[in-house]
Amino acid sequence: MIKLIHTADWHIGQTFFDYNRKAEHLCFLAWLRNQLREQATDVLLIAGDVFDTPNPSAESQKIFYQFLHEITSDNPSLQVVIIAGNHDSAARLEAPDPLLQEMNITVKGVVRRTSEGEIDFQRLIVPLIKDGQVEAWCMVVPYLRQGDYPEAESYPLGVKAMYDALLQEVLKIREPNQAIVAMGHLHAAGGIVSEEDRSERTVVGGVECVTPDTFSALIAYTALGHLHRGQQVCGREEVRYAGAPLPMSFAEKNYKQSVALVEIEASAVTKIERLYFDAPVKLLTIPDEAKPMEDVLQEIARLPEGEITENSSYLEVKVLITEPEPSFRFRIEEALKDKSVRLARLGSVQQGGAVEAKVFSYEELQKITPMEIARMEFEKQYGGTEMPETMKQLLQSVIQEIEHEDISD
């Protein structure tokens, strides 16, 4: 029997509306380190998006590699398999692989080809070993970009062809009592996507969604990354997303963060359990739907008072604007001065009829003034309401000051 922990979408280095999340990531990694010990885990699968950007900071990389050092020091027999996600630089993530292999860590980010131009499938097949014996074979497929997969009429068909070809290669070498595991970083059709998160948004029309039949019934377990909600794919318990350990947007504030603990005996999965992680920083939205300013201020007054710490909640405030309110942000910030929350997002919803957008020619754009642009945008935002005279005067004075500086330069 072999025990796996499946996790993904760490996004180390992410800032939440300009707030640094280092402490949150360290908290998760400390928790995961304990889980690996307590569960006597044999293999850790990290299914992509280790970092939030292709060019992570030195600090982000230090956090990641320090974690790998700690968990392999805790348990030298622990095997770690990592793939690159769409946020990772495939080549950068894979670069230390020769050194990491000495620590029983495998990283796959790039799909390489042979001298004949064929995909090197053997390089994407990794044995999962316990006590010196091969317990399973893992098809290690990183995020696939155009040209990474076999020639096909579409992206989904190309991805399916990739897994089909890898499966045929594994069937040639595996023994009947050895399980087959797959990894991937992709959007499987039927998966629930965060409404506001650009990082997991699909192409218009869902042309990058792969169908669940991409993963053969011969595969005992498929460990996916990319979607941030831990979930099965189309009711298939053995094909699932681990989900992100931290909420990436306010759309994810009600998600339950977790990793998947998987037990495989012979060629079949005998247990799948979600291990829940209680993220240290909560996300709050007040009100649930935009309300007038006075109602919002009343809700803010009920928030807990105290000092702001690295564990203080992130706050999203929604205000319904029924008339021009130039000072609404100032009023919100003043109301939050003694509250133990961090204002991350302040959204306003205008009430009133929409103003039809005007299309300008190039010649017209050359003649239009900054004041006219500001006036039209104001009327658009406030349902046709004319910009107050005092605001016009203030804006005009700023424009004149800028123009004077340009002339002086």
Protein backbone atom coordinates (compact mmCIF):
# COMPACT_ATOMS: atom_id res chain seq x y z
CA MET A 1 0.00 0.00 0.00
CA ILE A 2 1.24 3.48 -0.91
CA LYS A 3 0.02 6.81 0.52
CA LEU A 4 -0.10 9.97 -1.58
CA ILE A 5 -0.87 13.57 -0.70
CA HIS A 6 -2.11 15.57 -3.67
CA THR A 7 -1.91 19.36 -3.56
CA ALA A 8 -1.73 22.18 -6.13
CA ASP A 9 -2.03 25.91 -6.83
CA TRP A 10 0.08 27.30 -4.01
CA HIS A 11 0.76 30.56 -5.87
CA ILE A 12 3.70 31.43 -3.62
CA GLY A 13 4.48 35.13 -3.96
CA GLN A 14 0.90 36.20 -4.59
CA THR A 15 -0.14 39.52 -3.11
CA PHE A 16 -3.76 40.02 -2.17
CA PHE A 17 -4.71 43.52 -3.27
CA ASP A 18 -1.11 44.60 -2.51
CA TYR A 19 -0.99 42.79 0.85
CA ASN A 20 1.96 40.41 1.24
CA ARG A 21 0.86 36.80 1.88
CA LYS A 22 4.20 35.36 2.97
CA ALA A 23 2.96 34.57 6.50
CA GLU A 24 -0.11 32.78 5.09
CA HIS A 25 1.99 30.62 2.78
CA LEU A 26 4.41 29.75 5.58
CA CYS A 27 1.46 28.75 7.76
CA PHE A 28 0.15 26.40 5.07
CA LEU A 29 3.55 24.86 4.41
CA ALA A 30 4.10 24.26 8.15
CA TRP A 31 0.70 22.57 8.29
CA LEU A 32 1.47 20.46 5.21
CA ARG A 33 4.82 19.43 6.68
CA ASN A 34 3.01 18.13 9.76
CA GLN A 35 0.46 16.29 7.64
CA LEU A 36 3.21 14.54 5.68
CA ARG A 37 4.67 13.31 8.98
CA GLU A 38 1.41 12.39 10.69
CA GLN A 39 0.00 10.55 7.69
CA ALA A 40 3.29 8.68 7.07
CA THR A 41 3.08 9.84 3.45
CA ASP A 42 5.08 8.06 0.77
CA VAL A 43 4.58 10.48 -2.14
CA LEU A 44 3.76 14.19 -2.36
CA LEU A 45 2.22 15.29 -5.68
CA ILE A 46 2.25 19.04 -6.45
CA ALA A 47 0.09 19.63 -9.53
CA GLY A 48 1.31 22.99 -10.78
CA ASP A 49 1.21 26.73 -10.06
CA VAL A 50 3.84 26.50 -7.37
CA PHE A 51 4.53 30.19 -7.87
CA ASP A 52 2.19 33.03 -8.75
CA THR A 53 4.37 34.43 -11.52
CA PRO A 54 6.83 33.00 -14.06
CA ASN A 55 9.56 35.15 -12.50
CA PRO A 56 9.18 34.59 -8.74
CA SER A 57 11.14 36.68 -6.28
CA ALA A 58 14.20 35.31 -4.53
CA GLU A 59 12.19 35.24 -1.31
CA SER A 60 9.42 33.14 -2.91
CA GLN A 61 11.95 30.66 -4.28
CA LYS A 62 13.66 30.45 -0.89
CA ILE A 63 10.33 29.60 0.78
CA PHE A 64 9.71 26.80 -1.71
CA TYR A 65 13.13 25.20 -1.66
CA GLN A 66 13.42 25.52 2.11
CA PHE A 67 10.17 23.58 2.38
CA LEU A 68 11.45 20.83 0.07
CA HIS A 69 14.62 20.58 2.16
CA GLU A 70 12.63 20.32 5.41
CA ILE A 71 10.22 17.62 4.28
CA THR A 72 12.91 15.45 2.73
CA SER A 73 15.04 15.86 5.87
CA ASP A 74 12.05 14.77 7.97
CA ASN A 75 11.60 11.67 5.82
CA PRO A 76 14.42 10.79 3.40
CA SER A 77 12.25 8.11 1.78
CA LEU A 78 9.54 10.64 0.85
CA GLN A 79 9.17 10.98 -2.91
CA VAL A 80 8.06 14.34 -4.35
CA VAL A 81 6.73 14.82 -7.88
CA ILE A 82 6.11 18.37 -9.17
CA ILE A 83 4.72 19.70 -12.44
CA ALA A 84 4.64 23.25 -13.79
CA GLY A 85 1.33 25.10 -14.07
CA ASN A 86 0.32 27.95 -16.35
CA HIS A 87 1.62 30.50 -13.80
CA ASP A 88 5.03 28.85 -13.57
CA SER A 89 7.96 29.24 -15.91
CA ALA A 90 8.31 25.66 -17.14
CA ALA A 91 12.06 25.94 -17.76
CA ARG A 92 12.80 27.87 -14.57
CA LEU A 93 10.89 25.42 -12.37
CA GLU A 94 12.59 22.45 -13.97
CA ALA A 95 16.11 23.90 -13.99
CA PRO A 96 17.16 22.52 -10.53
CA ASP A 97 15.82 19.03 -11.34
CA PRO A 98 19.28 17.39 -11.61
CA LEU A 99 20.10 18.53 -8.07
CA LEU A 100 16.63 17.81 -6.68
CA GLN A 101 16.72 14.24 -7.95
CA GLU A 102 19.39 13.58 -5.30
CA MET A 103 16.64 14.40 -2.76
CA ASN A 104 14.13 12.04 -4.43
CA ILE A 105 12.32 15.01 -6.01
CA THR A 106 11.22 15.05 -9.65
CA VAL A 107 10.19 18.24 -11.46
CA LYS A 108 8.67 18.27 -14.94
CA GLY A 109 7.88 21.52 -16.68
CA VAL A 110 8.99 21.14 -20.27
CA VAL A 111 7.75 18.60 -22.83
CA ARG A 112 10.91 17.62 -24.70
CA ARG A 113 11.28 15.96 -28.08
CA THR A 114 13.77 13.43 -29.41
CA SER A 115 16.27 14.16 -32.18
CA GLU A 116 13.64 12.83 -34.60
CA GLY A 117 11.12 15.42 -33.40
CA GLU A 118 8.93 12.96 -31.50
CA ILE A 119 7.63 13.66 -28.00
CA ASP A 120 9.85 12.03 -25.39
CA PHE A 121 7.09 10.16 -23.57
CA GLN A 122 9.50 8.12 -21.44
CA ARG A 123 10.71 11.29 -19.75
CA LEU A 124 7.16 11.95 -18.49
CA ILE A 125 6.78 8.56 -16.81
CA VAL A 126 8.00 8.31 -13.22
CA PRO A 127 7.95 5.21 -10.98
CA LEU A 128 6.47 5.72 -7.50
CA ILE A 129 8.58 3.65 -5.16
CA LYS A 130 8.13 2.42 -1.58
CA ASP A 131 10.68 0.27 0.24
CA GLY A 132 12.61 -0.18 -2.97
CA GLN A 133 9.63 -1.56 -4.87
CA VAL A 134 7.68 0.12 -7.67
CA GLU A 135 4.13 0.51 -6.34
CA ALA A 136 2.78 2.66 -9.16
CA TRP A 137 3.66 4.49 -12.36
CA CYS A 138 2.94 8.21 -12.64
CA MET A 139 2.22 10.01 -15.91
CA VAL A 140 3.72 13.42 -15.13
CA VAL A 141 2.13 15.93 -17.52
CA PRO A 142 2.84 19.65 -16.93
CA TYR A 143 0.64 22.45 -18.25
CA LEU A 144 0.53 21.89 -22.00
CA ARG A 145 1.03 24.77 -24.38
CA GLN A 146 0.56 24.76 -28.12
CA GLY A 147 3.07 22.38 -29.68
CA ASP A 148 3.55 20.33 -26.49
CA TYR A 149 0.99 17.66 -27.39
CA PRO A 150 0.59 15.31 -30.40
CA GLU A 151 -0.83 16.86 -33.53
CA ALA A 152 -4.61 17.15 -33.24
CA GLU A 153 -7.56 19.20 -34.50
CA SER A 154 -8.03 21.00 -31.18
CA TYR A 155 -6.45 21.55 -27.78
CA PRO A 156 -8.73 19.06 -25.94
CA LEU A 157 -8.07 16.37 -28.54
CA GLY A 158 -4.33 17.07 -28.33
CA VAL A 159 -4.36 16.72 -24.54
CA LYS A 160 -6.33 13.48 -24.79
CA ALA A 161 -3.87 12.14 -27.37
CA MET A 162 -1.04 12.98 -24.94
CA TYR A 163 -2.55 10.98 -22.09
CA ASP A 164 -3.54 8.12 -24.40
CA ALA A 165 0.01 7.85 -25.74
CA LEU A 166 1.52 7.96 -22.26
CA LEU A 167 -0.90 5.31 -21.04
CA GLN A 168 0.15 2.96 -23.83
CA GLU A 169 3.79 3.44 -22.85
CA VAL A 170 3.02 2.70 -19.19
CA LEU A 171 1.04 -0.43 -20.06
CA LYS A 172 4.15 -1.81 -21.74
CA ILE A 173 6.19 -1.69 -18.52
CA ARG A 174 3.85 -1.97 -15.57
CA GLU A 175 2.99 -5.21 -13.83
CA PRO A 176 -0.61 -6.21 -12.97
CA ASN A 177 -0.31 -5.23 -9.29
CA GLN A 178 1.09 -1.76 -10.07
CA ALA A 179 -1.29 1.19 -10.16
CA ILE A 180 -1.30 3.98 -12.73
CA VAL A 181 -1.44 7.59 -11.52
CA ALA A 182 -1.76 10.71 -13.70
CA MET A 183 -0.96 14.35 -13.05
CA GLY A 184 -2.11 17.38 -14.99
CA HIS A 185 -2.64 21.13 -14.86
CA LEU A 186 -5.66 21.93 -17.00
CA HIS A 187 -9.35 22.77 -17.05
CA ALA A 188 -11.51 19.67 -17.12
CA ALA A 189 -15.05 20.20 -18.39
CA GLY A 190 -17.54 20.25 -15.54
CA GLY A 191 -15.14 21.80 -13.06
CA ILE A 192 -16.39 24.74 -10.98
CA VAL A 193 -14.46 27.93 -11.76
CA SER A 194 -14.14 31.02 -9.54
CA GLU A 195 -16.22 33.86 -10.99
CA GLU A 196 -13.61 36.60 -10.51
CA ASP A 197 -10.29 34.78 -10.74
CA ARG A 198 -8.41 35.50 -13.96
CA SER A 199 -5.76 32.89 -13.16
CA GLU A 200 -8.08 29.96 -13.81
CA ARG A 201 -10.35 31.58 -16.40
CA THR A 202 -10.76 29.62 -19.62
CA VAL A 203 -10.67 30.78 -23.21
CA VAL A 204 -13.98 32.12 -24.56
CA GLY A 205 -16.20 29.21 -25.55
CA GLY A 206 -14.35 26.77 -23.32
CA VAL A 207 -12.11 25.61 -26.18
CA GLU A 208 -9.40 24.61 -23.69
CA CYS A 209 -11.68 22.42 -21.57
CA VAL A 210 -10.72 18.77 -21.76
CA THR A 211 -13.38 16.10 -21.40
CA PRO A 212 -13.36 13.66 -18.46
CA ASP A 213 -12.84 10.72 -20.84
CA THR A 214 -9.31 12.10 -21.35
CA PHE A 215 -8.48 10.07 -18.24
CA SER A 216 -8.89 6.36 -18.88
CA ALA A 217 -10.61 4.08 -16.36
CA LEU A 218 -7.27 2.24 -16.20
CA ILE A 219 -5.84 5.22 -14.30
CA ALA A 220 -6.31 4.61 -10.58
CA TYR A 221 -6.04 8.28 -9.60
CA THR A 222 -5.71 11.58 -11.51
CA ALA A 223 -4.20 14.50 -9.58
CA LEU A 224 -5.19 17.80 -11.18
CA GLY A 225 -4.29 21.43 -10.63
CA HIS A 226 -5.58 24.75 -12.02
CA LEU A 227 -9.10 25.10 -10.56
CA HIS A 228 -8.97 26.48 -7.03
CA ARG A 229 -11.92 24.63 -5.58
CA GLY A 230 -11.25 21.10 -4.30
CA GLN A 231 -13.64 18.90 -6.27
CA GLN A 232 -14.31 15.76 -8.23
CA VAL A 233 -14.58 15.95 -12.00
CA CYS A 234 -18.05 14.98 -13.28
CA GLY A 235 -18.69 12.75 -10.29
CA ARG A 236 -15.53 10.69 -10.77
CA GLU A 237 -14.08 10.34 -7.29
CA GLU A 238 -10.69 9.26 -8.62
CA VAL A 239 -10.32 12.32 -10.92
CA ARG A 240 -10.08 15.43 -8.81
CA TYR A 241 -8.66 18.86 -8.10
CA ALA A 242 -6.93 19.35 -4.77
CA GLY A 243 -7.83 23.04 -4.79
CA ALA A 244 -5.74 26.02 -3.70
CA PRO A 245 -4.62 26.15 -0.03
CA LEU A 246 -5.42 29.88 0.18
CA PRO A 247 -8.37 31.76 -1.35
CA MET A 248 -7.11 33.69 -4.38
CA SER A 249 -10.03 36.12 -4.67
CA PHE A 250 -13.17 37.18 -2.80
CA ALA A 251 -15.11 34.82 -5.07
CA GLU A 252 -13.36 31.99 -3.20
CA LYS A 253 -14.07 33.19 0.34
CA ASN A 254 -16.47 30.31 1.04
CA TYR A 255 -14.23 27.56 -0.37
CA LYS A 256 -12.92 24.92 2.01
CA GLN A 257 -9.16 24.64 1.54
CA SER A 258 -7.69 21.15 1.62
CA VAL A 259 -5.31 18.60 0.19
CA ALA A 260 -6.25 15.07 -0.87
CA LEU A 261 -4.94 12.01 0.96
CA VAL A 262 -5.01 8.98 -1.34
CA GLU A 263 -4.26 5.36 -0.45
CA ILE A 264 -3.55 2.88 -3.23
CA GLU A 265 -3.24 -0.85 -2.77
CA ALA A 266 -2.18 -3.06 -5.68
CA SER A 267 -3.71 -1.36 -8.73
CA ALA A 268 -6.71 0.31 -7.10
CA VAL A 269 -7.51 3.27 -4.85
CA THR A 270 -8.76 2.14 -1.46
CA LYS A 271 -9.23 5.54 0.20
CA ILE A 272 -9.56 9.21 -0.73
CA GLU A 273 -9.87 11.75 2.09
CA ARG A 274 -9.79 15.54 2.10
CA LEU A 275 -7.49 16.96 4.79
CA TYR A 276 -8.85 20.43 5.56
CA PHE A 277 -6.59 23.40 6.14
CA ASP A 278 -7.97 26.32 8.14
CA ALA A 279 -6.53 29.32 6.31
CA PRO A 280 -5.24 31.82 8.90
CA VAL A 281 -6.69 34.93 7.21
CA LYS A 282 -10.42 35.14 6.50
CA LEU A 283 -12.13 37.06 3.71
CA LEU A 284 -15.10 39.25 4.60
CA THR A 285 -17.56 41.04 2.34
CA ILE A 286 -19.92 43.70 3.69
CA PRO A 287 -22.64 43.94 2.78
CA ASP A 288 -23.32 40.80 0.73
CA GLU A 289 -24.95 43.04 -1.88
CA ALA A 290 -24.23 46.72 -2.39
CA LYS A 291 -26.20 49.03 -0.09
CA PRO A 292 -26.37 52.82 0.41
CA MET A 293 -23.51 54.46 2.30
CA GLU A 294 -25.31 54.87 5.63
CA ASP A 295 -26.24 51.17 5.73
CA VAL A 296 -22.65 50.22 4.94
CA LEU A 297 -21.31 52.46 7.72
CA GLN A 298 -23.67 50.77 10.19
CA GLU A 299 -22.28 47.35 9.21
CA ILE A 300 -18.71 48.61 9.54
CA ALA A 301 -19.51 49.85 13.05
CA ARG A 302 -20.29 46.26 14.06
CA LEU A 303 -16.88 44.96 12.99
CA PRO A 304 -14.45 44.01 15.80
CA GLU A 305 -12.10 46.70 17.05
CA GLY A 306 -8.40 46.21 17.60
CA GLU A 307 -4.96 46.40 16.06
CA ILE A 308 -4.28 45.12 12.56
CA THR A 309 -2.01 42.06 12.45
CA GLU A 310 -0.82 39.66 9.73
CA ASN A 311 -3.86 37.49 10.55
CA SER A 312 -6.42 40.31 10.29
CA SER A 313 -9.20 39.57 7.81
CA TYR A 314 -9.22 41.02 4.32
CA LEU A 315 -12.30 43.17 3.78
CA GLU A 316 -14.34 43.86 0.67
CA VAL A 317 -16.85 46.72 0.92
CA LYS A 318 -19.69 47.24 -1.55
CA VAL A 319 -21.41 50.63 -1.69
CA LEU A 320 -24.51 51.53 -3.70
CA ILE A 321 -24.09 55.05 -5.08
CA THR A 322 -27.42 56.75 -5.72
CA GLU A 323 -25.94 60.19 -6.34
CA PRO A 324 -22.43 61.63 -6.81
CA GLU A 325 -20.39 60.91 -3.67
CA PRO A 326 -16.77 62.07 -4.24
CA SER A 327 -15.79 61.42 -0.60
CA PHE A 328 -17.18 57.90 -0.25
CA ARG A 329 -13.74 56.25 -0.02
CA PHE A 330 -12.60 58.72 2.64
CA ARG A 331 -15.72 58.02 4.72
CA ILE A 332 -15.18 54.26 4.51
CA GLU A 333 -11.52 54.52 5.49
CA GLU A 334 -12.36 56.80 8.43
CA ALA A 335 -14.99 54.32 9.66
CA LEU A 336 -12.41 51.50 9.52
CA LYS A 337 -9.66 53.31 11.45
CA ASP A 338 -10.09 51.39 14.72
CA LYS A 339 -11.23 48.09 13.17
CA SER A 340 -9.04 44.97 13.09
CA VAL A 341 -9.56 44.35 9.38
CA ARG A 342 -7.59 45.23 6.25
CA LEU A 343 -9.48 47.01 3.50
CA ALA A 344 -8.60 45.12 0.33
CA ARG A 345 -11.33 46.07 -2.09
CA LEU A 346 -13.82 48.94 -2.20
CA GLY A 347 -16.43 48.64 -4.90
CA SER A 348 -19.16 51.08 -5.87
CA VAL A 349 -22.30 50.29 -7.81
CA GLN A 350 -24.05 53.19 -9.51
CA GLN A 351 -27.83 53.29 -9.56
CA GLY A 352 -29.43 54.86 -12.60
CA GLY A 353 -29.69 54.52 -16.35
CA ALA A 354 -26.64 53.72 -18.39
CA VAL A 355 -25.19 56.31 -20.75
CA GLU A 356 -24.63 55.18 -24.29
CA ALA A 357 -20.93 55.09 -25.19
CA LYS A 358 -19.78 57.42 -27.98
CA VAL A 359 -17.34 56.18 -30.62
CA PHE A 360 -14.74 58.77 -31.69
CA SER A 361 -12.75 59.01 -34.90
CA TYR A 362 -9.00 59.55 -34.77
CA GLU A 363 -9.41 63.20 -35.73
CA GLU A 364 -11.98 63.76 -33.00
CA LEU A 365 -9.73 62.13 -30.39
CA GLN A 366 -6.96 64.58 -31.30
CA LYS A 367 -9.25 67.51 -30.52
CA ILE A 368 -10.98 66.29 -27.35
CA THR A 369 -9.76 67.82 -24.08
CA PRO A 370 -8.99 66.03 -20.77
CA MET A 371 -11.89 67.89 -19.17
CA GLU A 372 -14.31 66.58 -21.80
CA ILE A 373 -13.09 63.01 -21.24
CA ALA A 374 -13.57 63.40 -17.46
CA ARG A 375 -17.04 64.91 -17.92
CA MET A 376 -18.21 62.09 -20.22
CA GLU A 377 -16.83 59.39 -17.90
CA PHE A 378 -18.56 61.02 -14.92
CA GLU A 379 -21.90 61.10 -16.73
CA LYS A 380 -21.43 57.49 -17.80
CA GLN A 381 -20.69 56.37 -14.23
CA TYR A 382 -23.55 58.32 -12.68
CA GLY A 383 -26.33 57.65 -15.14
CA GLY A 384 -26.25 60.96 -16.99
CA THR A 385 -25.83 63.20 -13.93
CA GLU A 386 -23.84 66.33 -14.75
CA MET A 387 -20.47 66.79 -13.03
CA PRO A 388 -20.75 69.27 -10.12
CA GLU A 389 -19.27 72.70 -10.79
CA THR A 390 -16.86 72.50 -7.84
CA MET A 391 -15.45 69.23 -9.18
CA LYS A 392 -15.01 70.80 -12.62
CA GLN A 393 -13.08 73.69 -11.11
CA LEU A 394 -10.81 71.41 -9.06
CA LEU A 395 -10.12 69.18 -12.03
CA GLN A 396 -9.43 72.15 -14.29
CA SER A 397 -6.92 73.55 -11.81
CA VAL A 398 -5.08 70.19 -11.73
CA ILE A 399 -5.03 70.04 -15.55
CA GLN A 400 -3.66 73.58 -15.77
CA GLU A 401 -0.97 72.81 -13.19
CA ILE A 402 0.16 69.72 -15.13
CA GLU A 403 0.17 71.62 -18.43
CA HIS A 404 2.25 74.39 -16.80
CA GLU A 405 4.81 71.83 -15.56
CA ASP A 406 5.05 70.33 -19.05
CA ILE A 407 5.73 73.78 -20.58
CA SER A 408 8.36 74.55 -17.91
CA ASP A 409 10.16 71.26 -18.61
